[in-house]
Amino acid sequence: MDADGRASTDGDADDLDDEDRAGLDAAKIDLAEAIETALKEADGTFDDAELEEENGAHHWKISVDVNGNDTDVLVDVTTGKAMPESDDDGDDDAADDN
């Protein structure tokens, strides 16, 4: 991350694929803003962040530790809208909360 809170590609340019480059180019919300938004949404401690693309939409995937459990929050790179990542593995995670 650079001093302005934007994801830095210095030294990592070879690691970016075309989708990641497109996501960074489209981003109006920098990583620091995405982390702040996710922490408001999940009320925990920042753990990890990555840029993801799904169905042509780019978002920051922010992992937040909430009482020892990881919660992933997706923050749209253009609007800044945050939403918890849906659990699509089919498992009933309610038992994990006990």
C-alpha atoms as a PDB file:
ATOM      1  CA  MET A   1       0.000   0.000   0.000  1.00  0.00           C
ATOM      2  CA  ASP A   2       1.373   3.435  -0.783  1.00  0.00           C
ATOM      3  CA  ALA A   3       1.259   6.545   1.418  1.00  0.00           C
ATOM      4  CA  ASP A   4      -2.158   7.498   0.026  1.00  0.00           C
ATOM      5  CA  GLY A   5      -3.661   4.162   1.020  1.00  0.00           C
ATOM      6  CA  ARG A   6      -3.898   2.876  -2.513  1.00  0.00           C
ATOM      7  CA  ALA A   7      -2.749  -0.607  -3.338  1.00  0.00           C
ATOM      8  CA  SER A   8       0.793  -0.421  -4.576  1.00  0.00           C
ATOM      9  CA  THR A   9       1.928  -2.525  -7.491  1.00  0.00           C
ATOM     10  CA  ASP A  10       5.602  -1.591  -7.128  1.00  0.00           C
ATOM     11  CA  GLY A  11       7.605  -4.801  -7.254  1.00  0.00           C
ATOM     12  CA  ASP A  12       4.441  -6.869  -7.628  1.00  0.00           C
ATOM     13  CA  ALA A  13       3.518  -5.867 -11.173  1.00  0.00           C
ATOM     14  CA  ASP A  14       4.285  -9.343 -12.468  1.00  0.00           C
ATOM     15  CA  ASP A  15       1.842 -10.839  -9.939  1.00  0.00           C
ATOM     16  CA  LEU A  16      -1.162  -8.922 -11.277  1.00  0.00           C
ATOM     17  CA  ASP A  17      -3.360 -10.540 -13.866  1.00  0.00           C
ATOM     18  CA  ASP A  18      -5.585  -8.610 -16.266  1.00  0.00           C
ATOM     19  CA  GLU A  19      -8.605  -8.851 -13.934  1.00  0.00           C
ATOM     20  CA  ASP A  20      -6.619  -7.414 -11.006  1.00  0.00           C
ATOM     21  CA  ARG A  21      -5.306  -4.581 -13.174  1.00  0.00           C
ATOM     22  CA  ALA A  22      -8.853  -3.786 -14.330  1.00  0.00           C
ATOM     23  CA  GLY A  23     -10.059  -3.788 -10.724  1.00  0.00           C
ATOM     24  CA  LEU A  24      -7.324  -1.428  -9.586  1.00  0.00           C
ATOM     25  CA  ASP A  25      -7.965   0.853 -12.559  1.00  0.00           C
ATOM     26  CA  ALA A  26     -11.704   0.951 -11.750  1.00  0.00           C
ATOM     27  CA  ALA A  27     -11.197   1.464  -8.001  1.00  0.00           C
ATOM     28  CA  LYS A  28     -12.552   4.694  -6.577  1.00  0.00           C
ATOM     29  CA  ILE A  29     -12.337   3.242  -3.073  1.00  0.00           C
ATOM     30  CA  ASP A  30      -8.791   2.637  -1.941  1.00  0.00           C
ATOM     31  CA  LEU A  31      -7.758  -0.223   0.301  1.00  0.00           C
ATOM     32  CA  ALA A  32      -7.573   1.919   3.453  1.00  0.00           C
ATOM     33  CA  GLU A  33     -11.162   3.133   2.897  1.00  0.00           C
ATOM     34  CA  ALA A  34     -12.320  -0.417   2.231  1.00  0.00           C
ATOM     35  CA  ILE A  35     -10.753  -1.650   5.475  1.00  0.00           C
ATOM     36  CA  GLU A  36     -12.366   1.179   7.447  1.00  0.00           C
ATOM     37  CA  THR A  37     -15.757   0.410   5.881  1.00  0.00           C
ATOM     38  CA  ALA A  38     -15.423  -3.325   6.580  1.00  0.00           C
ATOM     39  CA  LEU A  39     -14.489  -2.712  10.217  1.00  0.00           C
ATOM     40  CA  LYS A  40     -17.638  -0.608  10.656  1.00  0.00           C
ATOM     41  CA  GLU A  41     -19.693  -3.396   9.070  1.00  0.00           C
ATOM     42  CA  ALA A  42     -18.202  -6.291  11.042  1.00  0.00           C
ATOM     43  CA  ASP A  43     -16.967  -4.541  14.244  1.00  0.00           C
ATOM     44  CA  GLY A  44     -13.799  -6.552  14.754  1.00  0.00           C
ATOM     45  CA  THR A  45     -10.081  -6.519  14.024  1.00  0.00           C
ATOM     46  CA  PHE A  46      -8.598  -6.332  10.526  1.00  0.00           C
ATOM     47  CA  ASP A  47      -7.038  -9.639   9.429  1.00  0.00           C
ATOM     48  CA  ASP A  48      -6.455  -9.699   5.651  1.00  0.00           C
ATOM     49  CA  ALA A  49      -7.438  -8.043   2.366  1.00  0.00           C
ATOM     50  CA  GLU A  50      -7.428  -8.963  -1.286  1.00  0.00           C
ATOM     51  CA  LEU A  51      -8.857  -7.733  -4.556  1.00  0.00           C
ATOM     52  CA  GLU A  52     -11.375 -10.080  -6.143  1.00  0.00           C
ATOM     53  CA  GLU A  53     -13.512 -10.215  -9.278  1.00  0.00           C
ATOM     54  CA  GLU A  54     -16.776 -12.068  -9.632  1.00  0.00           C
ATOM     55  CA  ASN A  55     -19.126 -11.874 -12.590  1.00  0.00           C
ATOM     56  CA  GLY A  56     -17.330  -8.798 -13.899  1.00  0.00           C
ATOM     57  CA  ALA A  57     -17.625  -6.858 -10.619  1.00  0.00           C
ATOM     58  CA  HIS A  58     -14.523  -6.020  -8.599  1.00  0.00           C
ATOM     59  CA  HIS A  59     -14.497  -5.735  -4.839  1.00  0.00           C
ATOM     60  CA  TRP A  60     -12.134  -5.667  -1.918  1.00  0.00           C
ATOM     61  CA  LYS A  61     -12.511  -8.795   0.193  1.00  0.00           C
ATOM     62  CA  ILE A  62     -11.666  -7.785   3.749  1.00  0.00           C
ATOM     63  CA  SER A  63     -11.298 -10.461   6.428  1.00  0.00           C
ATOM     64  CA  VAL A  64     -12.197  -9.272   9.910  1.00  0.00           C
ATOM     65  CA  ASP A  65     -11.611 -11.229  13.119  1.00  0.00           C
ATOM     66  CA  VAL A  66     -14.786 -11.022  15.206  1.00  0.00           C
ATOM     67  CA  ASN A  67     -14.390 -12.777  18.551  1.00  0.00           C
ATOM     68  CA  GLY A  68     -11.981 -15.331  17.078  1.00  0.00           C
ATOM     69  CA  ASN A  69     -14.068 -16.022  13.973  1.00  0.00           C
ATOM     70  CA  ASP A  70     -13.169 -14.720  10.512  1.00  0.00           C
ATOM     71  CA  THR A  71     -15.871 -12.683   8.822  1.00  0.00           C
ATOM     72  CA  ASP A  72     -15.378 -11.647   5.198  1.00  0.00           C
ATOM     73  CA  VAL A  73     -16.812  -8.341   4.048  1.00  0.00           C
ATOM     74  CA  LEU A  74     -17.004  -7.412   0.377  1.00  0.00           C
ATOM     75  CA  VAL A  75     -16.534  -3.719  -0.426  1.00  0.00           C
ATOM     76  CA  ASP A  76     -17.378  -2.607  -3.973  1.00  0.00           C
ATOM     77  CA  VAL A  77     -14.332  -0.848  -5.466  1.00  0.00           C
ATOM     78  CA  THR A  78     -16.446   1.779  -7.243  1.00  0.00           C
ATOM     79  CA  THR A  79     -19.299   2.515  -4.795  1.00  0.00           C
ATOM     80  CA  GLY A  80     -17.790   1.602  -1.419  1.00  0.00           C
ATOM     81  CA  LYS A  81     -20.921  -0.372  -0.559  1.00  0.00           C
ATOM     82  CA  ALA A  82     -20.132  -3.117   1.952  1.00  0.00           C
ATOM     83  CA  MET A  83     -21.868  -6.424   2.520  1.00  0.00           C
ATOM     84  CA  PRO A  84     -20.939  -9.608   4.348  1.00  0.00           C
ATOM     85  CA  GLU A  85     -19.760 -12.330   1.986  1.00  0.00           C
ATOM     86  CA  SER A  86     -22.439 -14.959   1.587  1.00  0.00           C
ATOM     87  CA  ASP A  87     -21.596 -18.423   2.817  1.00  0.00           C
ATOM     88  CA  ASP A  88     -22.148 -20.597  -0.231  1.00  0.00           C
ATOM     89  CA  ASP A  89     -20.523 -23.795   0.986  1.00  0.00           C
ATOM     90  CA  GLY A  90     -23.841 -25.262   2.124  1.00  0.00           C
ATOM     91  CA  ASP A  91     -22.625 -25.853   5.685  1.00  0.00           C
ATOM     92  CA  ASP A  92     -24.660 -24.701   8.629  1.00  0.00           C
ATOM     93  CA  ASP A  93     -22.146 -22.489  10.374  1.00  0.00           C
ATOM     94  CA  ALA A  94     -24.454 -21.715  13.282  1.00  0.00           C
ATOM     95  CA  ALA A  95     -22.909 -24.615  15.186  1.00  0.00           C
ATOM     96  CA  ASP A  96     -19.527 -22.894  14.851  1.00  0.00           C
ATOM     97  CA  ASP A  97     -20.817 -19.944  16.848  1.00  0.00           C
ATOM     98  CA  ASN A  98     -21.463 -21.995  19.982  1.00  0.00           C
END
